[in-house]
N, C-alpha and C. Protein backbone atom coordinates (compact mmCIF):
# COMPACT_ATOMS: atom_id res chain seq x y z
N UNK A 1 39.61 -0.43 26.35
CA UNK A 1 40.84 -1.04 26.79
C UNK A 1 40.93 -1.05 28.32
N UNK A 2 40.48 0.03 28.93
CA UNK A 2 40.52 0.10 30.39
C UNK A 2 39.59 -0.94 31.00
N UNK A 3 38.43 -1.16 30.38
CA UNK A 3 37.49 -2.15 30.89
C UNK A 3 38.08 -3.55 30.83
N UNK A 4 38.75 -3.88 29.75
CA UNK A 4 39.37 -5.20 29.61
C UNK A 4 40.48 -5.37 30.64
N UNK A 5 41.28 -4.34 30.83
CA UNK A 5 42.34 -4.38 31.84
C UNK A 5 41.75 -4.56 33.24
N UNK A 6 40.68 -3.84 33.53
CA UNK A 6 40.00 -3.97 34.82
C UNK A 6 39.44 -5.37 35.02
N UNK A 7 38.88 -5.96 33.96
CA UNK A 7 38.35 -7.31 34.04
C UNK A 7 39.46 -8.31 34.34
N UNK A 8 40.58 -8.17 33.65
CA UNK A 8 41.71 -9.09 33.86
C UNK A 8 42.24 -8.95 35.28
N UNK A 9 42.42 -7.72 35.75
CA UNK A 9 42.91 -7.50 37.11
C UNK A 9 41.92 -8.08 38.12
N UNK A 10 40.63 -7.88 37.90
CA UNK A 10 39.62 -8.42 38.82
C UNK A 10 39.62 -9.93 38.88
N UNK A 11 39.77 -10.59 37.75
CA UNK A 11 39.82 -12.05 37.73
C UNK A 11 41.06 -12.56 38.44
N UNK A 12 42.20 -11.94 38.17
CA UNK A 12 43.45 -12.37 38.82
C UNK A 12 43.37 -12.16 40.33
N UNK A 13 42.89 -11.01 40.76
CA UNK A 13 42.76 -10.76 42.20
C UNK A 13 41.78 -11.75 42.82
N UNK A 14 40.68 -12.03 42.14
CA UNK A 14 39.70 -12.98 42.65
C UNK A 14 40.26 -14.39 42.79
N UNK A 15 41.14 -14.77 41.88
CA UNK A 15 41.73 -16.11 41.94
C UNK A 15 42.75 -16.24 43.07
N UNK A 16 43.50 -15.19 43.33
CA UNK A 16 44.55 -15.27 44.34
C UNK A 16 44.08 -14.91 45.74
N UNK A 17 43.13 -14.01 45.87
CA UNK A 17 42.68 -13.57 47.19
C UNK A 17 41.70 -14.56 47.81
N UNK A 18 40.92 -15.24 47.00
CA UNK A 18 39.89 -16.17 47.47
C UNK A 18 38.95 -15.50 48.47
N UNK A 19 38.13 -14.57 48.00
CA UNK A 19 37.24 -13.87 48.92
C UNK A 19 36.21 -14.82 49.53
N UNK A 20 35.84 -14.53 50.76
CA UNK A 20 34.84 -15.33 51.46
C UNK A 20 33.50 -14.62 51.35
N UNK A 21 32.51 -15.34 50.86
CA UNK A 21 31.17 -14.78 50.71
C UNK A 21 30.37 -15.11 51.97
N UNK A 22 29.80 -14.11 52.63
CA UNK A 22 28.99 -14.39 53.82
C UNK A 22 27.79 -15.27 53.46
N UNK A 23 27.41 -16.13 54.38
CA UNK A 23 26.31 -17.06 54.11
C UNK A 23 24.99 -16.34 53.88
N UNK A 24 24.86 -15.14 54.40
CA UNK A 24 23.63 -14.36 54.21
C UNK A 24 23.46 -13.96 52.75
N UNK A 25 24.57 -13.75 52.07
CA UNK A 25 24.54 -13.26 50.69
C UNK A 25 24.54 -14.40 49.67
N UNK A 26 24.90 -15.61 50.08
CA UNK A 26 25.06 -16.72 49.15
C UNK A 26 23.86 -16.97 48.23
N UNK A 27 22.62 -16.92 48.70
CA UNK A 27 21.50 -17.19 47.78
C UNK A 27 21.33 -16.13 46.69
N UNK A 28 21.84 -14.94 46.94
CA UNK A 28 21.62 -13.83 46.01
C UNK A 28 22.74 -13.67 44.99
N UNK A 29 23.91 -14.22 45.27
CA UNK A 29 25.06 -14.02 44.40
C UNK A 29 24.87 -14.61 42.99
N UNK A 30 24.40 -15.85 42.84
CA UNK A 30 24.20 -16.37 41.48
C UNK A 30 23.17 -15.57 40.69
N UNK A 31 22.11 -15.14 41.36
CA UNK A 31 21.08 -14.35 40.69
C UNK A 31 21.65 -13.01 40.27
N UNK A 32 22.47 -12.41 41.12
CA UNK A 32 23.09 -11.12 40.78
C UNK A 32 24.03 -11.27 39.59
N UNK A 33 24.74 -12.38 39.52
CA UNK A 33 25.65 -12.60 38.38
C UNK A 33 24.85 -12.75 37.09
N UNK A 34 23.76 -13.50 37.12
CA UNK A 34 22.93 -13.67 35.92
C UNK A 34 22.31 -12.33 35.52
N UNK A 35 21.86 -11.55 36.49
CA UNK A 35 21.30 -10.24 36.18
C UNK A 35 22.35 -9.31 35.58
N UNK A 36 23.57 -9.38 36.10
CA UNK A 36 24.65 -8.56 35.55
C UNK A 36 25.00 -9.00 34.13
N UNK A 37 25.00 -10.31 33.88
CA UNK A 37 25.25 -10.81 32.52
C UNK A 37 24.18 -10.33 31.55
N UNK A 38 22.94 -10.27 32.01
CA UNK A 38 21.86 -9.76 31.17
C UNK A 38 22.14 -8.32 30.76
N UNK A 39 22.57 -7.51 31.71
CA UNK A 39 22.88 -6.11 31.40
C UNK A 39 24.07 -6.00 30.46
N UNK A 40 25.08 -6.84 30.65
CA UNK A 40 26.26 -6.80 29.78
C UNK A 40 25.90 -7.19 28.35
N UNK A 41 25.13 -8.27 28.19
CA UNK A 41 24.72 -8.67 26.84
C UNK A 41 23.81 -7.63 26.21
N UNK A 42 22.94 -7.01 27.00
CA UNK A 42 22.11 -5.93 26.48
C UNK A 42 22.94 -4.73 26.05
N UNK A 43 23.97 -4.41 26.83
CA UNK A 43 24.85 -3.30 26.47
C UNK A 43 25.65 -3.59 25.21
N UNK A 44 26.11 -4.83 25.08
CA UNK A 44 26.84 -5.21 23.87
C UNK A 44 25.94 -5.14 22.64
N UNK A 45 24.71 -5.60 22.80
CA UNK A 45 23.75 -5.51 21.69
C UNK A 45 23.49 -4.06 21.32
N UNK A 46 23.30 -3.21 22.32
CA UNK A 46 23.06 -1.79 22.05
C UNK A 46 24.26 -1.15 21.37
N UNK A 47 25.46 -1.54 21.78
CA UNK A 47 26.66 -1.00 21.16
C UNK A 47 26.73 -1.39 19.68
N UNK A 48 26.43 -2.64 19.38
CA UNK A 48 26.46 -3.09 17.99
C UNK A 48 25.36 -2.44 17.16
N UNK A 49 24.24 -2.12 17.80
CA UNK A 49 23.14 -1.43 17.10
C UNK A 49 23.38 0.06 16.99
N UNK A 50 24.41 0.56 17.68
CA UNK A 50 24.74 1.98 17.62
C UNK A 50 23.89 2.86 18.51
N UNK A 51 23.25 2.27 19.52
CA UNK A 51 22.38 3.05 20.41
C UNK A 51 22.82 2.95 21.87
N UNK A 52 24.08 2.61 22.09
CA UNK A 52 24.59 2.44 23.46
C UNK A 52 24.67 3.78 24.17
N UNK A 53 24.19 3.79 25.41
CA UNK A 53 24.29 4.96 26.27
C UNK A 53 24.83 4.48 27.62
N UNK A 54 25.94 5.05 28.05
CA UNK A 54 26.57 4.57 29.27
C UNK A 54 25.69 4.75 30.51
N UNK A 55 24.92 5.81 30.55
CA UNK A 55 24.03 6.03 31.70
C UNK A 55 22.94 4.96 31.75
N UNK A 56 22.38 4.64 30.59
CA UNK A 56 21.35 3.60 30.52
C UNK A 56 21.95 2.26 30.93
N UNK A 57 23.18 2.00 30.50
CA UNK A 57 23.84 0.74 30.85
C UNK A 57 24.03 0.62 32.36
N UNK A 58 24.54 1.66 32.99
CA UNK A 58 24.78 1.61 34.44
C UNK A 58 23.47 1.44 35.20
N UNK A 59 22.44 2.19 34.80
CA UNK A 59 21.14 2.06 35.46
C UNK A 59 20.57 0.67 35.24
N UNK A 60 20.68 0.15 34.03
CA UNK A 60 20.19 -1.20 33.74
C UNK A 60 20.94 -2.24 34.56
N UNK A 61 22.25 -2.10 34.62
CA UNK A 61 23.08 -3.04 35.37
C UNK A 61 22.67 -3.07 36.84
N UNK A 62 22.62 -1.90 37.45
CA UNK A 62 22.29 -1.83 38.88
C UNK A 62 20.85 -2.23 39.16
N UNK A 63 19.92 -1.77 38.33
CA UNK A 63 18.52 -2.09 38.59
C UNK A 63 18.25 -3.58 38.37
N UNK A 64 18.88 -4.20 37.38
CA UNK A 64 18.70 -5.65 37.19
C UNK A 64 19.16 -6.41 38.42
N UNK A 65 20.32 -6.07 38.94
CA UNK A 65 20.85 -6.77 40.10
C UNK A 65 19.97 -6.54 41.33
N UNK A 66 19.57 -5.31 41.56
CA UNK A 66 18.76 -4.99 42.75
C UNK A 66 17.38 -5.64 42.66
N UNK A 67 16.72 -5.54 41.52
CA UNK A 67 15.38 -6.12 41.38
C UNK A 67 15.44 -7.64 41.50
N UNK A 68 16.41 -8.27 40.86
CA UNK A 68 16.54 -9.73 40.95
C UNK A 68 16.79 -10.15 42.40
N UNK A 69 17.66 -9.44 43.10
CA UNK A 69 17.94 -9.77 44.50
C UNK A 69 16.70 -9.55 45.37
N UNK A 70 15.95 -8.49 45.11
CA UNK A 70 14.73 -8.25 45.89
C UNK A 70 13.68 -9.33 45.65
N UNK A 71 13.57 -9.80 44.42
CA UNK A 71 12.60 -10.87 44.14
C UNK A 71 13.00 -12.15 44.88
N UNK A 72 14.28 -12.48 44.87
CA UNK A 72 14.74 -13.67 45.59
C UNK A 72 14.57 -13.48 47.10
N UNK A 73 14.86 -12.29 47.61
CA UNK A 73 14.67 -12.01 49.03
C UNK A 73 13.20 -12.17 49.42
N UNK A 74 12.31 -11.62 48.60
CA UNK A 74 10.88 -11.76 48.86
C UNK A 74 10.47 -13.22 48.85
N UNK A 75 10.99 -13.97 47.88
CA UNK A 75 10.69 -15.40 47.82
C UNK A 75 11.17 -16.14 49.05
N UNK A 76 12.34 -15.78 49.54
CA UNK A 76 12.85 -16.41 50.77
C UNK A 76 11.95 -16.11 51.95
N UNK A 77 11.49 -14.87 52.05
CA UNK A 77 10.62 -14.49 53.17
C UNK A 77 9.25 -15.17 53.09
N UNK A 78 8.78 -15.42 51.86
CA UNK A 78 7.49 -16.08 51.68
C UNK A 78 7.59 -17.60 51.72
N UNK A 79 8.82 -18.11 51.72
CA UNK A 79 9.03 -19.55 51.76
C UNK A 79 9.02 -20.21 50.39
N UNK A 80 9.08 -19.42 49.34
CA UNK A 80 9.09 -19.96 47.97
C UNK A 80 10.32 -19.45 47.23
N UNK A 81 11.45 -19.38 47.94
CA UNK A 81 12.66 -18.81 47.36
C UNK A 81 13.16 -19.55 46.14
N UNK A 82 13.10 -20.88 46.17
CA UNK A 82 13.60 -21.66 45.04
C UNK A 82 12.77 -21.41 43.79
N UNK A 83 11.45 -21.33 43.95
CA UNK A 83 10.58 -21.11 42.79
C UNK A 83 10.81 -19.73 42.18
N UNK A 84 10.90 -18.71 43.02
CA UNK A 84 11.12 -17.37 42.48
C UNK A 84 12.53 -17.23 41.91
N UNK A 85 13.50 -17.90 42.51
CA UNK A 85 14.86 -17.87 41.95
C UNK A 85 14.87 -18.50 40.57
N UNK A 86 14.16 -19.62 40.43
CA UNK A 86 14.07 -20.27 39.12
C UNK A 86 13.39 -19.36 38.11
N UNK A 87 12.34 -18.69 38.53
CA UNK A 87 11.65 -17.76 37.63
C UNK A 87 12.55 -16.62 37.17
N UNK A 88 13.32 -16.07 38.09
CA UNK A 88 14.23 -14.98 37.75
C UNK A 88 15.29 -15.47 36.76
N UNK A 89 15.85 -16.65 37.01
CA UNK A 89 16.88 -17.19 36.12
C UNK A 89 16.30 -17.47 34.74
N UNK A 90 15.08 -17.99 34.68
CA UNK A 90 14.46 -18.28 33.38
C UNK A 90 14.23 -16.99 32.60
N UNK A 91 13.66 -15.98 33.24
CA UNK A 91 13.40 -14.71 32.55
C UNK A 91 14.70 -14.06 32.08
N UNK A 92 15.67 -13.98 32.96
CA UNK A 92 16.95 -13.37 32.57
C UNK A 92 17.67 -14.22 31.53
N UNK A 93 17.54 -15.54 31.63
CA UNK A 93 18.14 -16.42 30.63
C UNK A 93 17.54 -16.21 29.26
N UNK A 94 16.23 -16.05 29.19
CA UNK A 94 15.58 -15.77 27.91
C UNK A 94 16.09 -14.46 27.33
N UNK A 95 16.23 -13.44 28.18
CA UNK A 95 16.74 -12.15 27.70
C UNK A 95 18.19 -12.27 27.23
N UNK A 96 19.00 -13.03 27.96
CA UNK A 96 20.41 -13.20 27.57
C UNK A 96 20.49 -13.90 26.22
N UNK A 97 19.73 -14.98 26.03
CA UNK A 97 19.78 -15.69 24.76
C UNK A 97 19.20 -14.87 23.63
N UNK A 98 18.20 -14.05 23.91
CA UNK A 98 17.66 -13.16 22.89
C UNK A 98 18.70 -12.14 22.46
N UNK A 99 19.39 -11.55 23.42
CA UNK A 99 20.45 -10.60 23.10
C UNK A 99 21.61 -11.29 22.38
N UNK A 100 21.95 -12.51 22.81
CA UNK A 100 23.03 -13.25 22.15
C UNK A 100 22.67 -13.55 20.70
N UNK A 101 21.40 -13.88 20.45
CA UNK A 101 20.97 -14.14 19.07
C UNK A 101 21.07 -12.87 18.23
N UNK A 102 20.68 -11.74 18.79
CA UNK A 102 20.78 -10.47 18.06
C UNK A 102 22.24 -10.11 17.79
N UNK A 103 23.10 -10.36 18.76
CA UNK A 103 24.53 -10.10 18.57
C UNK A 103 25.08 -11.01 17.47
N UNK A 104 24.70 -12.28 17.50
CA UNK A 104 25.16 -13.21 16.47
C UNK A 104 24.69 -12.79 15.09
N UNK A 105 23.42 -12.37 14.98
CA UNK A 105 22.91 -11.91 13.68
C UNK A 105 23.66 -10.68 13.21
N UNK A 106 23.99 -9.80 14.13
CA UNK A 106 24.71 -8.58 13.75
C UNK A 106 26.14 -8.90 13.32
N UNK A 107 26.81 -9.76 14.05
CA UNK A 107 28.21 -10.08 13.76
C UNK A 107 28.34 -10.88 12.46
N UNK A 108 27.46 -11.88 12.27
CA UNK A 108 27.56 -12.74 11.10
C UNK A 108 26.67 -12.30 9.95
N UNK A 109 25.98 -11.18 10.13
CA UNK A 109 25.08 -10.64 9.10
C UNK A 109 24.06 -11.67 8.65
N UNK A 110 23.57 -12.46 9.61
CA UNK A 110 22.61 -13.51 9.27
C UNK A 110 21.21 -13.13 9.69
């Protein structure tokens, strides 16, 4: 319940405050969001499977975001930022859809 309340408060504050994202961070923000979504879907799947561990979730969440951002940063420095960004999104997208399929099978018993 606290997490849902925090999510609602965060969305409302984000809509009214209109935070400004520095241009240095702009290339990494979408990748960080996709990496965070991967961790959230993985955590939801683990919860439905009965193997959720909050420490594993936090480490997964933070490490996904940091590793994805580092890969994009490395790609930018090598001059192939768009290609590595696409690769990160594809890999994380596959994981998200895999977790979503497992969640769907668990919820609908299919």
